[in-house]
């Protein structure tokens, strides 16, 4: 398959639309028929429309824009409380544990190994 760029996006839309009507296809994508017509003639989409087009074409926006997928980054979470005590120590400890548990859950959801493992 040929590389899709912003310049070739309109041609790809027209190819996928095939013999379907502009109004019908635009409704399926979630844009106006005028917008679809302009895009097929080579006009550039706004960001929201671009996202809808990529979803409809089942392509990654990164591929169109020429970005390389980056490795998912591990969030850096730190716990910090003010020096002046406004919380009871037991409350501060419970909050710190909750924040760290949320980080572990996020890491597990993203299937990123925890650095402590």
N, C-alpha and C. Protein backbone atom coordinates (compact mmCIF):
# COMPACT_ATOMS: atom_id res chain seq x y z
N UNK A 1 0.84 -1.18 0.00
CA UNK A 1 0.00 0.00 0.00
C UNK A 1 0.89 1.24 0.00
N UNK A 2 0.54 2.21 -0.82
CA UNK A 2 1.31 3.46 -0.92
C UNK A 2 1.15 4.26 0.36
N UNK A 3 2.20 4.99 0.70
CA UNK A 3 2.17 5.82 1.90
C UNK A 3 1.13 6.92 1.74
N UNK A 4 0.34 7.11 2.79
CA UNK A 4 -0.67 8.15 2.79
C UNK A 4 -0.08 9.39 3.44
N UNK A 5 -0.20 10.52 2.77
CA UNK A 5 0.25 11.80 3.30
C UNK A 5 -0.95 12.74 3.33
N UNK A 6 -0.76 13.92 3.91
CA UNK A 6 -1.83 14.91 3.89
C UNK A 6 -2.21 15.28 2.47
N UNK A 7 -1.22 15.23 1.57
CA UNK A 7 -1.47 15.59 0.19
C UNK A 7 -2.25 14.50 -0.55
N UNK A 8 -2.12 13.26 -0.14
CA UNK A 8 -2.82 12.15 -0.82
C UNK A 8 -4.06 11.69 -0.07
N UNK A 9 -4.36 12.32 1.06
CA UNK A 9 -5.51 11.92 1.88
C UNK A 9 -6.82 12.02 1.11
N UNK A 10 -7.01 13.08 0.34
CA UNK A 10 -8.24 13.26 -0.43
C UNK A 10 -8.46 12.15 -1.44
N UNK A 11 -7.39 11.74 -2.10
CA UNK A 11 -7.49 10.64 -3.09
C UNK A 11 -7.86 9.33 -2.39
N UNK A 12 -7.29 9.11 -1.20
CA UNK A 12 -7.60 7.90 -0.42
C UNK A 12 -9.07 7.90 0.00
N UNK A 13 -9.59 9.07 0.38
CA UNK A 13 -11.00 9.18 0.74
C UNK A 13 -11.89 8.84 -0.45
N UNK A 14 -11.58 9.42 -1.59
CA UNK A 14 -12.38 9.16 -2.80
C UNK A 14 -12.31 7.69 -3.19
N UNK A 15 -11.14 7.08 -3.07
CA UNK A 15 -11.00 5.67 -3.41
C UNK A 15 -11.84 4.79 -2.49
N UNK A 16 -11.79 5.06 -1.20
CA UNK A 16 -12.57 4.24 -0.26
C UNK A 16 -14.07 4.49 -0.42
N UNK A 17 -14.44 5.73 -0.71
CA UNK A 17 -15.86 6.05 -0.89
C UNK A 17 -16.42 5.31 -2.09
N UNK A 18 -15.61 5.17 -3.13
CA UNK A 18 -16.04 4.43 -4.32
C UNK A 18 -17.28 5.02 -4.93
N UNK A 19 -18.30 4.19 -5.13
CA UNK A 19 -19.53 4.66 -5.77
C UNK A 19 -20.58 5.15 -4.77
N UNK A 20 -20.23 5.12 -3.48
CA UNK A 20 -21.16 5.65 -2.47
C UNK A 20 -21.28 7.16 -2.63
N UNK A 21 -22.42 7.69 -2.29
CA UNK A 21 -22.64 9.12 -2.40
C UNK A 21 -21.84 9.92 -1.39
N UNK A 22 -21.57 11.18 -1.75
CA UNK A 22 -20.82 12.06 -0.86
C UNK A 22 -21.58 12.29 0.44
N UNK A 23 -22.88 12.54 0.34
CA UNK A 23 -23.68 12.79 1.55
C UNK A 23 -23.71 11.57 2.47
N UNK A 24 -23.90 10.40 1.88
CA UNK A 24 -23.96 9.17 2.67
C UNK A 24 -22.62 8.91 3.38
N UNK A 25 -21.53 9.07 2.64
CA UNK A 25 -20.20 8.83 3.21
C UNK A 25 -19.87 9.87 4.27
N UNK A 26 -20.19 11.12 4.00
CA UNK A 26 -19.93 12.19 4.98
C UNK A 26 -20.67 11.92 6.28
N UNK A 27 -21.91 11.47 6.17
CA UNK A 27 -22.69 11.17 7.37
C UNK A 27 -22.04 10.02 8.14
N UNK A 28 -21.54 9.02 7.42
CA UNK A 28 -20.87 7.88 8.05
C UNK A 28 -19.60 8.32 8.79
N UNK A 29 -18.87 9.24 8.18
CA UNK A 29 -17.63 9.74 8.80
C UNK A 29 -17.94 10.67 9.97
N UNK A 30 -19.03 11.41 9.85
CA UNK A 30 -19.38 12.38 10.89
C UNK A 30 -18.97 13.80 10.54
N UNK A 31 -18.92 14.09 9.23
CA UNK A 31 -18.58 15.43 8.76
C UNK A 31 -19.63 15.87 7.75
N UNK A 32 -19.60 17.12 7.34
CA UNK A 32 -20.56 17.60 6.36
C UNK A 32 -20.15 17.14 4.96
N UNK A 33 -21.13 17.08 4.06
CA UNK A 33 -20.83 16.66 2.69
C UNK A 33 -19.94 17.70 1.98
N UNK A 34 -20.11 18.96 2.33
CA UNK A 34 -19.26 20.01 1.76
C UNK A 34 -17.80 19.83 2.18
N UNK A 35 -17.61 19.47 3.44
CA UNK A 35 -16.25 19.24 3.93
C UNK A 35 -15.63 18.05 3.20
N UNK A 36 -16.39 16.97 3.05
CA UNK A 36 -15.86 15.80 2.35
C UNK A 36 -15.49 16.16 0.91
N UNK A 37 -16.34 16.91 0.27
CA UNK A 37 -16.07 17.32 -1.11
C UNK A 37 -14.77 18.13 -1.20
N UNK A 38 -14.60 19.08 -0.27
CA UNK A 38 -13.38 19.89 -0.25
C UNK A 38 -12.14 19.02 -0.01
N UNK A 39 -12.25 18.08 0.92
CA UNK A 39 -11.12 17.21 1.23
C UNK A 39 -10.72 16.37 0.02
N UNK A 40 -11.72 15.86 -0.69
CA UNK A 40 -11.42 15.05 -1.87
C UNK A 40 -10.77 15.87 -2.98
N UNK A 41 -10.98 17.19 -2.94
CA UNK A 41 -10.35 18.08 -3.93
C UNK A 41 -8.97 18.56 -3.47
N UNK A 42 -8.52 18.08 -2.30
CA UNK A 42 -7.16 18.39 -1.86
C UNK A 42 -7.03 19.39 -0.74
N UNK A 43 -8.14 19.90 -0.20
CA UNK A 43 -8.05 20.82 0.92
C UNK A 43 -7.65 20.04 2.17
N UNK A 44 -6.99 20.73 3.11
CA UNK A 44 -6.53 20.09 4.34
C UNK A 44 -7.61 20.14 5.41
N UNK A 45 -7.75 19.08 6.20
CA UNK A 45 -8.76 19.05 7.26
C UNK A 45 -8.29 19.77 8.51
N UNK A 46 -9.26 20.16 9.36
CA UNK A 46 -8.89 20.65 10.69
C UNK A 46 -8.59 19.41 11.54
N UNK A 47 -8.13 19.62 12.78
CA UNK A 47 -7.68 18.48 13.60
C UNK A 47 -8.81 17.50 13.93
N UNK A 48 -9.99 18.01 14.26
CA UNK A 48 -11.11 17.12 14.60
C UNK A 48 -11.52 16.30 13.39
N UNK A 49 -11.59 16.93 12.24
CA UNK A 49 -11.94 16.22 11.01
C UNK A 49 -10.86 15.21 10.65
N UNK A 50 -9.60 15.60 10.84
CA UNK A 50 -8.49 14.69 10.56
C UNK A 50 -8.60 13.41 11.38
N UNK A 51 -8.94 13.56 12.66
CA UNK A 51 -9.12 12.39 13.53
C UNK A 51 -10.23 11.50 13.02
N UNK A 52 -11.35 12.10 12.62
CA UNK A 52 -12.48 11.33 12.10
C UNK A 52 -12.11 10.59 10.82
N UNK A 53 -11.36 11.28 9.95
CA UNK A 53 -10.94 10.65 8.69
C UNK A 53 -10.03 9.46 8.96
N UNK A 54 -9.08 9.64 9.86
CA UNK A 54 -8.17 8.54 10.17
C UNK A 54 -8.93 7.35 10.76
N UNK A 55 -9.90 7.62 11.62
CA UNK A 55 -10.74 6.54 12.16
C UNK A 55 -11.48 5.83 11.04
N UNK A 56 -12.08 6.59 10.14
CA UNK A 56 -12.88 6.01 9.06
C UNK A 56 -12.00 5.23 8.08
N UNK A 57 -10.81 5.76 7.81
CA UNK A 57 -9.89 5.08 6.91
C UNK A 57 -9.12 3.95 7.60
N UNK A 58 -9.26 3.87 8.92
CA UNK A 58 -8.56 2.87 9.73
C UNK A 58 -7.04 2.99 9.54
N UNK A 59 -6.56 4.22 9.70
CA UNK A 59 -5.13 4.49 9.61
C UNK A 59 -4.70 5.29 10.84
N UNK A 60 -3.43 5.26 11.12
CA UNK A 60 -2.89 6.00 12.26
C UNK A 60 -2.55 7.42 11.83
N UNK A 61 -2.97 8.42 12.60
CA UNK A 61 -2.56 9.79 12.29
C UNK A 61 -1.03 9.93 12.24
N UNK A 62 -0.33 9.15 13.07
CA UNK A 62 1.14 9.20 13.08
C UNK A 62 1.71 8.81 11.72
N UNK A 63 1.09 7.82 11.07
CA UNK A 63 1.58 7.39 9.76
C UNK A 63 1.41 8.50 8.72
N UNK A 64 0.27 9.17 8.77
CA UNK A 64 0.00 10.24 7.80
C UNK A 64 0.95 11.41 8.02
N UNK A 65 1.20 11.74 9.27
CA UNK A 65 2.03 12.89 9.60
C UNK A 65 3.52 12.56 9.61
N UNK A 66 3.86 11.27 9.48
CA UNK A 66 5.26 10.87 9.43
C UNK A 66 5.93 10.77 10.78
N UNK A 67 5.15 10.60 11.84
CA UNK A 67 5.72 10.45 13.17
C UNK A 67 5.97 8.98 13.46
N UNK A 68 7.05 8.72 14.16
CA UNK A 68 7.35 7.37 14.61
C UNK A 68 6.65 7.15 15.95
N UNK A 69 6.10 5.97 16.12
CA UNK A 69 5.48 5.65 17.41
C UNK A 69 6.59 5.56 18.45
N UNK A 70 6.38 6.23 19.56
CA UNK A 70 7.37 6.22 20.63
C UNK A 70 7.00 5.17 21.66
N UNK A 71 8.01 4.64 22.31
CA UNK A 71 7.74 3.70 23.38
C UNK A 71 6.95 4.42 24.46
N UNK A 72 6.01 3.69 25.02
CA UNK A 72 5.17 4.29 26.05
C UNK A 72 6.03 4.64 27.25
N UNK A 73 5.87 5.84 27.73
CA UNK A 73 6.69 6.29 28.82
C UNK A 73 6.04 5.98 30.15
N UNK A 74 6.87 5.61 31.10
CA UNK A 74 6.40 5.33 32.45
C UNK A 74 6.15 6.66 33.14
N UNK A 75 4.94 6.85 33.68
CA UNK A 75 4.69 8.12 34.36
C UNK A 75 5.58 8.26 35.59
N UNK A 76 6.06 9.45 35.80
CA UNK A 76 6.91 9.73 36.95
C UNK A 76 6.02 10.32 38.03
N UNK A 77 5.80 9.57 39.07
CA UNK A 77 4.92 10.01 40.15
C UNK A 77 5.75 10.19 41.40
N UNK A 78 5.55 11.30 42.05
CA UNK A 78 6.24 11.57 43.31
C UNK A 78 5.20 12.07 44.31
N UNK A 79 5.47 11.82 45.54
CA UNK A 79 4.57 12.26 46.61
C UNK A 79 5.28 13.37 47.37
N UNK A 80 4.61 14.50 47.52
CA UNK A 80 5.20 15.64 48.21
C UNK A 80 4.11 16.35 48.99
N UNK A 81 4.42 16.64 50.23
CA UNK A 81 3.50 17.39 51.06
C UNK A 81 4.24 18.60 51.61
N UNK A 82 3.51 19.64 51.90
CA UNK A 82 4.12 20.85 52.44
C UNK A 82 4.80 20.56 53.78
N UNK A 83 5.81 21.38 54.03
CA UNK A 83 6.52 21.21 55.29
C UNK A 83 5.60 21.49 56.47
N UNK A 84 4.79 22.53 56.33
CA UNK A 84 3.85 22.86 57.40
C UNK A 84 2.79 21.77 57.45
N UNK A 85 2.61 21.18 58.58
CA UNK A 85 1.66 20.08 58.70
C UNK A 85 0.23 20.62 58.72
N UNK A 86 -0.50 20.25 57.70
CA UNK A 86 -1.92 20.59 57.67
C UNK A 86 -2.74 19.31 57.69
N UNK A 87 -2.08 18.18 57.53
CA UNK A 87 -2.73 16.88 57.58
C UNK A 87 -2.15 16.09 58.75
N UNK A 88 -2.97 15.26 59.30
CA UNK A 88 -2.47 14.35 60.32
C UNK A 88 -1.51 13.39 59.64
N UNK A 89 -0.44 12.98 60.29
CA UNK A 89 0.52 12.07 59.67
C UNK A 89 -0.13 10.80 59.12
N UNK A 90 -1.11 10.27 59.79
CA UNK A 90 -1.77 9.06 59.31
C UNK A 90 -2.52 9.34 58.00
N UNK A 91 -3.10 10.53 57.86
CA UNK A 91 -3.79 10.91 56.63
C UNK A 91 -2.80 11.10 55.49
N UNK A 92 -1.68 11.76 55.78
CA UNK A 92 -0.65 11.97 54.76
C UNK A 92 -0.11 10.63 54.27
N UNK A 93 0.11 9.71 55.19
CA UNK A 93 0.60 8.38 54.81
C UNK A 93 -0.42 7.65 53.94
N UNK A 94 -1.69 7.72 54.32
CA UNK A 94 -2.75 7.05 53.54
C UNK A 94 -2.83 7.65 52.13
N UNK A 95 -2.73 8.97 52.02
CA UNK A 95 -2.75 9.60 50.70
C UNK A 95 -1.55 9.18 49.85
N UNK A 96 -0.39 9.13 50.46
CA UNK A 96 0.82 8.72 49.74
C UNK A 96 0.66 7.28 49.23
N UNK A 97 0.14 6.40 50.06
CA UNK A 97 -0.07 5.01 49.65
C UNK A 97 -1.09 4.90 48.52
N UNK A 98 -2.13 5.73 48.58
CA UNK A 98 -3.14 5.72 47.52
C UNK A 98 -2.54 6.19 46.19
N UNK A 99 -1.72 7.22 46.23
CA UNK A 99 -1.08 7.72 45.00
C UNK A 99 -0.15 6.66 44.42
N UNK A 100 0.63 6.03 45.26
CA UNK A 100 1.54 4.99 44.77
C UNK A 100 0.76 3.77 44.24
N UNK A 101 -0.35 3.43 44.86
CA UNK A 101 -1.18 2.33 44.37
C UNK A 101 -1.78 2.67 43.01
N UNK A 102 -2.17 3.93 42.83
CA UNK A 102 -2.71 4.36 41.54
C UNK A 102 -1.62 4.26 40.47
N UNK A 103 -0.39 4.61 40.80
CA UNK A 103 0.71 4.48 39.84
C UNK A 103 0.92 3.01 39.47
N UNK A 104 0.91 2.12 40.46
CA UNK A 104 1.09 0.69 40.17
C UNK A 104 -0.04 0.18 39.28
N UNK A 105 -1.26 0.62 39.54
CA UNK A 105 -2.40 0.19 38.72
C UNK A 105 -2.25 0.70 37.29
N UNK A 106 -1.80 1.93 37.13
CA UNK A 106 -1.59 2.49 35.80
C UNK A 106 -0.51 1.71 35.06
N UNK A 107 0.55 1.39 35.75
CA UNK A 107 1.61 0.60 35.14
C UNK A 107 1.10 -0.78 34.72
N UNK A 108 0.30 -1.40 35.55
CA UNK A 108 -0.24 -2.72 35.24
C UNK A 108 -1.20 -2.65 34.05
N UNK A 109 -2.01 -1.59 33.97
CA UNK A 109 -2.93 -1.43 32.86
C UNK A 109 -2.18 -1.27 31.55
N UNK A 110 -1.07 -0.56 31.57
CA UNK A 110 -0.27 -0.33 30.37
C UNK A 110 0.74 -1.44 30.14
N UNK A 111 0.76 -2.42 31.01
CA UNK A 111 1.66 -3.57 30.92
C UNK A 111 3.11 -3.14 30.80
N UNK A 112 3.45 -2.14 31.59
CA UNK A 112 4.83 -1.68 31.66
C UNK A 112 5.40 -2.21 32.96
N UNK A 113 6.52 -2.92 32.90
CA UNK A 113 7.07 -3.46 34.14
C UNK A 113 7.48 -2.35 35.09
N UNK A 114 7.15 -2.53 36.36
CA UNK A 114 7.52 -1.57 37.39
C UNK A 114 9.02 -1.66 37.61
N UNK A 115 9.67 -0.53 37.82
CA UNK A 115 11.12 -0.51 37.99
C UNK A 115 11.56 -1.28 39.22
N UNK A 116 10.68 -1.44 40.20
CA UNK A 116 11.03 -2.16 41.43
C UNK A 116 11.03 -3.66 41.21
N UNK A 117 10.43 -4.14 40.12
CA UNK A 117 10.36 -5.59 39.88
C UNK A 117 11.69 -6.15 39.43
